[in-house]
C-alpha cells in the first residue's frame, strides 16, 4: 500500500476510471480517482473491480463500521472538520 494515500483526502474528484487487463496478467483491474489539480490515485486488484451501486448516504463513521463483522479496515484517512488536518493510520 502506498504510504501517502492520505494525500488524496480533501481533493476534489472530477473523474473515476476503471480499467481491466487485456492480457490476463496482473493487475487485473485498476480504479483511478482523478482530481481537479491534475493528479490521480490508483487502486488495483487481482480480480475485477465492479461498482456495487450508486452513491450511498453514509458518514465516514458509518462506512468505517459497515460490515465490520466480516471485513477489517486496513487503512483509513479523514479530514478533521475542525482543523482541516488529515488524520490517518
PDB file of N, CA and C in Angstrom:
ATOM      1  N   UNK A   1       0.847  -1.177   0.000  1.00  0.00           N
ATOM      2  CA  UNK A   1       0.000   0.000   0.000  1.00  0.00           C
ATOM      3  C   UNK A   1       0.890   1.237   0.000  1.00  0.00           C
ATOM      4  N   UNK A   2       0.477   2.246  -0.740  1.00  0.00           N
ATOM      5  CA  UNK A   2       1.244   3.489  -0.774  1.00  0.00           C
ATOM      6  C   UNK A   2       1.229   4.142   0.607  1.00  0.00           C
ATOM      7  N   UNK A   3       2.375   4.632   1.016  1.00  0.00           N
ATOM      8  CA  UNK A   3       2.470   5.286   2.310  1.00  0.00           C
ATOM      9  C   UNK A   3       1.801   6.657   2.316  1.00  0.00           C
ATOM     10  N   UNK A   4       1.545   7.225   1.155  1.00  0.00           N
ATOM     11  CA  UNK A   4       0.994   8.584   1.104  1.00  0.00           C
ATOM     12  C   UNK A   4      -0.451   8.625   0.625  1.00  0.00           C
ATOM     13  N   UNK A   5      -1.214   7.564   0.858  1.00  0.00           N
ATOM     14  CA  UNK A   5      -2.613   7.538   0.433  1.00  0.00           C
ATOM     15  C   UNK A   5      -3.425   8.651   1.083  1.00  0.00           C
ATOM     16  N   UNK A   6      -3.033   9.086   2.257  1.00  0.00           N
ATOM     17  CA  UNK A   6      -3.749  10.157   2.950  1.00  0.00           C
ATOM     18  C   UNK A   6      -3.726  11.475   2.170  1.00  0.00           C
ATOM     19  N   UNK A   7      -2.801  11.625   1.236  1.00  0.00           N
ATOM     20  CA  UNK A   7      -2.715  12.864   0.456  1.00  0.00           C
ATOM     21  C   UNK A   7      -3.918  13.066  -0.467  1.00  0.00           C
ATOM     22  N   UNK A   8      -4.697  12.019  -0.697  1.00  0.00           N
ATOM     23  CA  UNK A   8      -5.892  12.132  -1.538  1.00  0.00           C
ATOM     24  C   UNK A   8      -7.063  12.758  -0.797  1.00  0.00           C
ATOM     25  N   UNK A   9      -7.026  12.760   0.536  1.00  0.00           N
ATOM     26  CA  UNK A   9      -8.136  13.300   1.331  1.00  0.00           C
ATOM     27  C   UNK A   9      -8.228  14.810   1.140  1.00  0.00           C
ATOM     28  N   UNK A  10      -9.435  15.285   0.869  1.00  0.00           N
ATOM     29  CA  UNK A  10      -9.675  16.707   0.687  1.00  0.00           C
ATOM     30  C   UNK A  10      -9.600  17.163  -0.760  1.00  0.00           C
ATOM     31  N   UNK A  11      -9.091  16.309  -1.649  1.00  0.00           N
ATOM     32  CA  UNK A  11      -9.045  16.672  -3.061  1.00  0.00           C
ATOM     33  C   UNK A  11     -10.428  16.511  -3.681  1.00  0.00           C
ATOM     34  N   UNK A  12     -10.688  17.263  -4.737  1.00  0.00           N
ATOM     35  CA  UNK A  12     -11.970  17.183  -5.435  1.00  0.00           C
ATOM     36  C   UNK A  12     -11.866  16.178  -6.576  1.00  0.00           C
ATOM     37  N   UNK A  13     -12.679  15.126  -6.495  1.00  0.00           N
ATOM     38  CA  UNK A  13     -12.693  14.110  -7.539  1.00  0.00           C
ATOM     39  C   UNK A  13     -13.495  14.641  -8.722  1.00  0.00           C
ATOM     40  N   UNK A  14     -12.866  14.626  -9.903  1.00  0.00           N
ATOM     41  CA  UNK A  14     -13.582  15.057 -11.111  1.00  0.00           C
ATOM     42  C   UNK A  14     -13.830  13.900 -12.063  1.00  0.00           C
ATOM     43  N   UNK A  15     -13.245  12.743 -11.753  1.00  0.00           N
ATOM     44  CA  UNK A  15     -13.449  11.591 -12.620  1.00  0.00           C
ATOM     45  C   UNK A  15     -13.044  10.304 -11.941  1.00  0.00           C
ATOM     46  N   UNK A  16     -13.654   9.213 -12.409  1.00  0.00           N
ATOM     47  CA  UNK A  16     -13.319   7.863 -11.955  1.00  0.00           C
ATOM     48  C   UNK A  16     -13.133   7.018 -13.204  1.00  0.00           C
ATOM     49  N   UNK A  17     -12.026   6.306 -13.263  1.00  0.00           N
ATOM     50  CA  UNK A  17     -11.742   5.435 -14.408  1.00  0.00           C
ATOM     51  C   UNK A  17     -11.472   4.032 -13.881  1.00  0.00           C
ATOM     52  N   UNK A  18     -12.164   3.032 -14.448  1.00  0.00           N
ATOM     53  CA  UNK A  18     -11.896   1.629 -14.119  1.00  0.00           C
ATOM     54  C   UNK A  18     -11.353   0.959 -15.369  1.00  0.00           C
ATOM     55  N   UNK A  19     -10.226   0.276 -15.219  1.00  0.00           N
ATOM     56  CA  UNK A  19      -9.597  -0.428 -16.337  1.00  0.00           C
ATOM     57  C   UNK A  19      -9.485  -1.911 -15.991  1.00  0.00           C
ATOM     58  N   UNK A  20      -9.525  -2.765 -17.023  1.00  0.00           N
ATOM     59  CA  UNK A  20      -9.293  -4.191 -16.837  1.00  0.00           C
ATOM     60  C   UNK A  20      -8.236  -4.661 -17.819  1.00  0.00           C
ATOM     61  N   UNK A  21      -7.491  -5.671 -17.414  1.00  0.00           N
ATOM     62  CA  UNK A  21      -6.390  -6.188 -18.216  1.00  0.00           C
ATOM     63  C   UNK A  21      -6.854  -6.698 -19.576  1.00  0.00           C
ATOM     64  N   UNK A  22      -6.010  -6.530 -20.555  1.00  0.00           N
ATOM     65  CA  UNK A  22      -6.239  -7.117 -21.883  1.00  0.00           C
ATOM     66  C   UNK A  22      -5.451  -8.411 -22.029  1.00  0.00           C
ATOM     67  N   UNK A  23      -4.455  -8.596 -21.158  1.00  0.00           N
ATOM     68  CA  UNK A  23      -3.522  -9.711 -21.300  1.00  0.00           C
ATOM     69  C   UNK A  23      -3.778 -10.863 -20.336  1.00  0.00           C
ATOM     70  N   UNK A  24      -4.611 -10.646 -19.303  1.00  0.00           N
ATOM     71  CA  UNK A  24      -4.811 -11.671 -18.289  1.00  0.00           C
ATOM     72  C   UNK A  24      -3.763 -11.648 -17.194  1.00  0.00           C
ATOM     73  N   UNK A  25      -2.775 -10.742 -17.325  1.00  0.00           N
ATOM     74  CA  UNK A  25      -1.721 -10.619 -16.321  1.00  0.00           C
ATOM     75  C   UNK A  25      -2.094  -9.533 -15.308  1.00  0.00           C
ATOM     76  N   UNK A  26      -1.644  -9.673 -14.059  1.00  0.00           N
ATOM     77  CA  UNK A  26      -1.928  -8.658 -13.041  1.00  0.00           C
ATOM     78  C   UNK A  26      -1.313  -7.314 -13.404  1.00  0.00           C
ATOM     79  N   UNK A  27      -1.875  -6.217 -12.976  1.00  0.00           N
ATOM     80  CA  UNK A  27      -3.122  -6.167 -12.222  1.00  0.00           C
ATOM     81  C   UNK A  27      -4.318  -6.446 -13.129  1.00  0.00           C
ATOM     82  N   UNK A  28      -5.279  -7.156 -12.603  1.00  0.00           N
ATOM     83  CA  UNK A  28      -6.474  -7.490 -13.368  1.00  0.00           C
ATOM     84  C   UNK A  28      -7.352  -6.253 -13.531  1.00  0.00           C
ATOM     85  N   UNK A  29      -7.490  -5.473 -12.466  1.00  0.00           N
ATOM     86  CA  UNK A  29      -8.305  -4.254 -12.504  1.00  0.00           C
ATOM     87  C   UNK A  29      -7.562  -3.089 -11.872  1.00  0.00           C
ATOM     88  N   UNK A  30      -7.841  -1.899 -12.386  1.00  0.00           N
ATOM     89  CA  UNK A  30      -7.328  -0.662 -11.805  1.00  0.00           C
ATOM     90  C   UNK A  30      -8.489   0.314 -11.698  1.00  0.00           C
ATOM     91  N   UNK A  31      -8.558   1.020 -10.579  1.00  0.00           N
ATOM     92  CA  UNK A  31      -9.537   2.085 -10.392  1.00  0.00           C
ATOM     93  C   UNK A  31      -8.747   3.342 -10.082  1.00  0.00           C
ATOM     94  N   UNK A  32      -8.968   4.376 -10.881  1.00  0.00           N
ATOM     95  CA  UNK A  32      -8.278   5.653 -10.698  1.00  0.00           C
ATOM     96  C   UNK A  32      -9.282   6.718 -10.257  1.00  0.00           C
ATOM     97  N   UNK A  33      -8.949   7.437  -9.211  1.00  0.00           N
ATOM     98  CA  UNK A  33      -9.663   8.661  -8.849  1.00  0.00           C
ATOM     99  C   UNK A  33      -8.866   9.795  -9.471  1.00  0.00           C
ATOM    100  N   UNK A  34      -9.509  10.611 -10.279  1.00  0.00           N
ATOM    101  CA  UNK A  34      -8.849  11.724 -10.962  1.00  0.00           C
ATOM    102  C   UNK A  34      -9.303  13.020 -10.293  1.00  0.00           C
ATOM    103  N   UNK A  35      -8.336  13.863  -9.921  1.00  0.00           N
ATOM    104  CA  UNK A  35      -8.627  15.072  -9.159  1.00  0.00           C
ATOM    105  C   UNK A  35      -8.502  16.328 -10.023  1.00  0.00           C
ATOM    106  N   UNK A  36      -9.110  17.404  -9.538  1.00  0.00           N
ATOM    107  CA  UNK A  36      -9.140  18.650 -10.310  1.00  0.00           C
ATOM    108  C   UNK A  36      -7.787  19.349 -10.403  1.00  0.00           C
ATOM    109  N   UNK A  37      -6.793  18.897  -9.632  1.00  0.00           N
ATOM    110  CA  UNK A  37      -5.455  19.500  -9.717  1.00  0.00           C
ATOM    111  C   UNK A  37      -4.527  18.683 -10.633  1.00  0.00           C
ATOM    112  N   UNK A  38      -5.128  17.875 -11.516  1.00  0.00           N
ATOM    113  CA  UNK A  38      -4.394  17.072 -12.496  1.00  0.00           C
ATOM    114  C   UNK A  38      -3.517  15.999 -11.839  1.00  0.00           C
ATOM    115  N   UNK A  39      -3.998  15.460 -10.702  1.00  0.00           N
ATOM    116  CA  UNK A  39      -3.360  14.323 -10.064  1.00  0.00           C
ATOM    117  C   UNK A  39      -4.370  13.184 -10.031  1.00  0.00           C
ATOM    118  N   UNK A  40      -3.892  11.992  -9.699  1.00  0.00           N
ATOM    119  CA  UNK A  40      -4.789  10.844  -9.607  1.00  0.00           C
ATOM    120  C   UNK A  40      -4.288   9.893  -8.531  1.00  0.00           C
ATOM    121  N   UNK A  41      -5.168   9.008  -8.110  1.00  0.00           N
ATOM    122  CA  UNK A  41      -4.809   7.977  -7.148  1.00  0.00           C
ATOM    123  C   UNK A  41      -5.326   6.655  -7.674  1.00  0.00           C
ATOM    124  N   UNK A  42      -4.479   5.633  -7.631  1.00  0.00           N
ATOM    125  CA  UNK A  42      -4.800   4.339  -8.232  1.00  0.00           C
ATOM    126  C   UNK A  42      -5.026   3.270  -7.172  1.00  0.00           C
ATOM    127  N   UNK A  43      -6.074   2.474  -7.379  1.00  0.00           N
ATOM    128  CA  UNK A  43      -6.283   1.237  -6.644  1.00  0.00           C
ATOM    129  C   UNK A  43      -6.145   0.119  -7.661  1.00  0.00           C
ATOM    130  N   UNK A  44      -5.577  -1.015  -7.283  1.00  0.00           N
ATOM    131  CA  UNK A  44      -5.531  -2.133  -8.211  1.00  0.00           C
ATOM    132  C   UNK A  44      -5.855  -3.420  -7.473  1.00  0.00           C
ATOM    133  N   UNK A  45      -6.269  -4.423  -8.247  1.00  0.00           N
ATOM    134  CA  UNK A  45      -6.676  -5.692  -7.658  1.00  0.00           C
ATOM    135  C   UNK A  45      -6.369  -6.826  -8.623  1.00  0.00           C
ATOM    136  N   UNK A  46      -6.282  -8.021  -8.072  1.00  0.00           N
ATOM    137  CA  UNK A  46      -6.059  -9.210  -8.873  1.00  0.00           C
ATOM    138  C   UNK A  46      -7.374  -9.879  -9.264  1.00  0.00           C
ATOM    139  N   UNK A  47      -8.467  -9.131  -9.138  1.00  0.00           N
ATOM    140  CA  UNK A  47      -9.797  -9.568  -9.566  1.00  0.00           C
ATOM    141  C   UNK A  47     -10.505  -8.337 -10.115  1.00  0.00           C
ATOM    142  N   UNK A  48     -11.537  -8.525 -10.914  1.00  0.00           N
ATOM    143  CA  UNK A  48     -12.248  -7.365 -11.460  1.00  0.00           C
ATOM    144  C   UNK A  48     -12.831  -6.474 -10.365  1.00  0.00           C
ATOM    145  N   UNK A  49     -12.655  -5.160 -10.525  1.00  0.00           N
ATOM    146  CA  UNK A  49     -13.281  -4.172  -9.636  1.00  0.00           C
ATOM    147  C   UNK A  49     -14.606  -3.790 -10.271  1.00  0.00           C
ATOM    148  N   UNK A  50     -15.681  -3.938  -9.543  1.00  0.00           N
ATOM    149  CA  UNK A  50     -17.006  -3.629 -10.069  1.00  0.00           C
ATOM    150  C   UNK A  50     -17.717  -2.665  -9.137  1.00  0.00           C
ATOM    151  N   UNK A  51     -18.288  -1.580  -9.663  1.00  0.00           N
ATOM    152  CA  UNK A  51     -19.124  -0.716  -8.826  1.00  0.00           C
ATOM    153  C   UNK A  51     -20.311  -1.527  -8.305  1.00  0.00           C
ATOM    154  N   UNK A  52     -20.695  -1.285  -7.064  1.00  0.00           N
ATOM    155  CA  UNK A  52     -21.765  -2.071  -6.453  1.00  0.00           C
ATOM    156  C   UNK A  52     -23.113  -1.375  -6.469  1.00  0.00           C
ATOM    157  N   UNK A  53     -23.165  -0.149  -6.886  1.00  0.00           N
ATOM    158  CA  UNK A  53     -24.424   0.579  -6.899  1.00  0.00           C
ATOM    159  C   UNK A  53     -24.177   2.051  -7.094  1.00  0.00           C
ATOM    160  N   UNK A  54     -25.046   2.843  -6.532  1.00  0.00           N
ATOM    161  CA  UNK A  54     -24.941   4.285  -6.672  1.00  0.00           C
ATOM    162  C   UNK A  54     -24.186   4.903  -5.513  1.00  0.00           C
ATOM    163  N   UNK A  55     -24.383   6.198  -5.340  1.00  0.00           N
ATOM    164  CA  UNK A  55     -23.773   6.927  -4.239  1.00  0.00           C
ATOM    165  C   UNK A  55     -24.661   6.730  -3.012  1.00  0.00           C
ATOM    166  N   UNK A  56     -24.094   6.162  -1.961  1.00  0.00           N
ATOM    167  CA  UNK A  56     -24.842   5.904  -0.728  1.00  0.00           C
ATOM    168  C   UNK A  56     -24.630   7.035   0.263  1.00  0.00           C
ATOM    169  N   UNK A  57     -25.689   7.375   0.992  1.00  0.00           N
ATOM    170  CA  UNK A  57     -25.581   8.409   2.021  1.00  0.00           C
ATOM    171  C   UNK A  57     -25.094   7.745   3.307  1.00  0.00           C
ATOM    172  N   UNK A  58     -23.782   7.801   3.516  1.00  0.00           N
ATOM    173  CA  UNK A  58     -23.162   7.214   4.701  1.00  0.00           C
ATOM    174  C   UNK A  58     -22.026   8.123   5.153  1.00  0.00           C
ATOM    175  N   UNK A  59     -21.968   8.383   6.456  1.00  0.00           N
ATOM    176  CA  UNK A  59     -20.878   9.187   7.001  1.00  0.00           C
ATOM    177  C   UNK A  59     -19.594   8.370   7.029  1.00  0.00           C
ATOM    178  N   UNK A  60     -18.481   9.055   7.289  1.00  0.00           N
ATOM    179  CA  UNK A  60     -17.194   8.359   7.412  1.00  0.00           C
ATOM    180  C   UNK A  60     -17.307   7.248   8.442  1.00  0.00           C
ATOM    181  N   UNK A  61     -17.871   7.541   9.598  1.00  0.00           N
ATOM    182  CA  UNK A  61     -18.001   6.555  10.677  1.00  0.00           C
ATOM    183  C   UNK A  61     -18.880   5.391  10.247  1.00  0.00           C
ATOM    184  N   UNK A  62     -19.962   5.678   9.532  1.00  0.00           N
ATOM    185  CA  UNK A  62     -20.844   4.600   9.062  1.00  0.00           C
ATOM    186  C   UNK A  62     -20.121   3.688   8.066  1.00  0.00           C
ATOM    187  N   UNK A  63     -19.364   4.276   7.156  1.00  0.00           N
ATOM    188  CA  UNK A  63     -18.597   3.470   6.203  1.00  0.00           C
ATOM    189  C   UNK A  63     -17.535   2.666   6.953  1.00  0.00           C
ATOM    190  N   UNK A  64     -16.855   3.295   7.893  1.00  0.00           N
ATOM    191  CA  UNK A  64     -15.807   2.627   8.685  1.00  0.00           C
ATOM    192  C   UNK A  64     -16.367   1.386   9.378  1.00  0.00           C
ATOM    193  N   UNK A  65     -17.578   1.486   9.925  1.00  0.00           N
ATOM    194  CA  UNK A  65     -18.188   0.383  10.676  1.00  0.00           C
ATOM    195  C   UNK A  65     -18.976  -0.592   9.806  1.00  0.00           C
ATOM    196  N   UNK A  66     -19.230  -0.248   8.552  1.00  0.00           N
ATOM    197  CA  UNK A  66     -20.044  -1.072   7.658  1.00  0.00           C
ATOM    198  C   UNK A  66     -19.418  -2.455   7.484  1.00  0.00           C
ATOM    199  N   UNK A  67     -20.197  -3.484   7.709  1.00  0.00           N
ATOM    200  CA  UNK A  67     -19.792  -4.889   7.551  1.00  0.00           C
ATOM    201  C   UNK A  67     -18.596  -5.253   8.429  1.00  0.00           C
ATOM    202  N   UNK A  68     -18.441  -4.594   9.574  1.00  0.00           N
ATOM    203  CA  UNK A  68     -17.261  -4.850  10.394  1.00  0.00           C
ATOM    204  C   UNK A  68     -17.223  -6.258  10.986  1.00  0.00           C
ATOM    205  N   UNK A  69     -18.344  -6.975  10.901  1.00  0.00           N
ATOM    206  CA  UNK A  69     -18.326  -8.357  11.385  1.00  0.00           C
ATOM    207  C   UNK A  69     -17.634  -9.306  10.401  1.00  0.00           C
ATOM    208  N   UNK A  70     -17.453  -8.863   9.138  1.00  0.00           N
ATOM    209  CA  UNK A  70     -16.852  -9.755   8.148  1.00  0.00           C
ATOM    210  C   UNK A  70     -15.632  -9.167   7.428  1.00  0.00           C
ATOM    211  N   UNK A  71     -15.364  -7.885   7.586  1.00  0.00           N
ATOM    212  CA  UNK A  71     -14.185  -7.266   6.969  1.00  0.00           C
ATOM    213  C   UNK A  71     -13.486  -6.384   7.994  1.00  0.00           C
ATOM    214  N   UNK A  72     -12.201  -6.122   7.746  1.00  0.00           N
ATOM    215  CA  UNK A  72     -11.448  -5.257   8.664  1.00  0.00           C
ATOM    216  C   UNK A  72     -10.889  -4.063   7.905  1.00  0.00           C
ATOM    217  N   UNK A  73     -10.755  -2.961   8.572  1.00  0.00           N
ATOM    218  CA  UNK A  73     -10.162  -1.752   7.991  1.00  0.00           C
ATOM    219  C   UNK A  73      -8.651  -1.915   8.030  1.00  0.00           C
ATOM    220  N   UNK A  74      -7.997  -1.749   6.891  1.00  0.00           N
ATOM    221  CA  UNK A  74      -6.534  -1.846   6.844  1.00  0.00           C
ATOM    222  C   UNK A  74      -5.881  -0.475   6.665  1.00  0.00           C
ATOM    223  N   UNK A  75      -6.666   0.522   6.313  1.00  0.00           N
ATOM    224  CA  UNK A  75      -6.172   1.891   6.172  1.00  0.00           C
ATOM    225  C   UNK A  75      -7.376   2.815   6.247  1.00  0.00           C
ATOM    226  N   UNK A  76      -7.195   3.962   6.850  1.00  0.00           N
ATOM    227  CA  UNK A  76      -8.231   4.998   6.782  1.00  0.00           C
ATOM    228  C   UNK A  76      -7.565   6.364   6.889  1.00  0.00           C
ATOM    229  N   UNK A  77      -8.213   7.341   6.274  1.00  0.00           N
ATOM    230  CA  UNK A  77      -7.764   8.730   6.361  1.00  0.00           C
ATOM    231  C   UNK A  77      -8.994   9.608   6.293  1.00  0.00           C
ATOM    232  N   UNK A  78      -9.015  10.639   7.092  1.00  0.00           N
ATOM    233  CA  UNK A  78     -10.169  11.534   7.130  1.00  0.00           C
ATOM    234  C   UNK A  78      -9.700  12.942   7.471  1.00  0.00           C
ATOM    235  N   UNK A  79     -10.390  13.914   6.913  1.00  0.00           N
ATOM    236  CA  UNK A  79     -10.085  15.313   7.218  1.00  0.00           C
ATOM    237  C   UNK A  79     -10.860  15.722   8.460  1.00  0.00           C
ATOM    238  N   UNK A  80     -10.154  16.246   9.448  1.00  0.00           N
ATOM    239  CA  UNK A  80     -10.789  16.726  10.673  1.00  0.00           C
ATOM    240  C   UNK A  80     -11.607  17.965  10.327  1.00  0.00           C
ATOM    241  N   UNK A  81     -12.922  17.954  10.583  1.00  0.00           N
ATOM    242  CA  UNK A  81     -13.755  19.095  10.197  1.00  0.00           C
ATOM    243  C   UNK A  81     -13.442  20.373  10.965  1.00  0.00           C
ATOM    244  N   UNK A  82     -12.815  20.243  12.128  1.00  0.00           N
ATOM    245  CA  UNK A  82     -12.497  21.434  12.936  1.00  0.00           C
ATOM    246  C   UNK A  82     -11.187  22.080  12.532  1.00  0.00           C
ATOM    247  N   UNK A  83     -10.180  21.247  12.231  1.00  0.00           N
ATOM    248  CA  UNK A  83      -8.849  21.801  11.962  1.00  0.00           C
ATOM    249  C   UNK A  83      -8.446  21.734  10.491  1.00  0.00           C
ATOM    250  N   UNK A  84      -9.084  20.843   9.721  1.00  0.00           N
ATOM    251  CA  UNK A  84      -8.679  20.654   8.347  1.00  0.00           C
ATOM    252  C   UNK A  84      -7.504  19.714   8.183  1.00  0.00           C
ATOM    253  N   UNK A  85      -6.957  19.251   9.326  1.00  0.00           N
ATOM    254  CA  UNK A  85      -5.836  18.303   9.280  1.00  0.00           C
ATOM    255  C   UNK A  85      -6.334  16.944   8.807  1.00  0.00           C
ATOM    256  N   UNK A  86      -5.470  16.209   8.122  1.00  0.00           N
ATOM    257  CA  UNK A  86      -5.793  14.852   7.691  1.00  0.00           C
ATOM    258  C   UNK A  86      -5.210  13.880   8.717  1.00  0.00           C
ATOM    259  N   UNK A  87      -6.078  13.047   9.257  1.00  0.00           N
ATOM    260  CA  UNK A  87      -5.686  12.046  10.242  1.00  0.00           C
ATOM    261  C   UNK A  87      -5.774  10.693   9.548  1.00  0.00           C
ATOM    262  N   UNK A  88      -4.739   9.873   9.701  1.00  0.00           N
ATOM    263  CA  UNK A  88      -4.739   8.577   9.023  1.00  0.00           C
ATOM    264  C   UNK A  88      -3.967   7.533   9.825  1.00  0.00           C
ATOM    265  N   UNK A  89      -4.246   6.293   9.481  1.00  0.00           N
ATOM    266  CA  UNK A  89      -3.484   5.171  10.050  1.00  0.00           C
ATOM    267  C   UNK A  89      -3.466   4.020   9.083  1.00  0.00           C
TER     268      UNK A  89
END
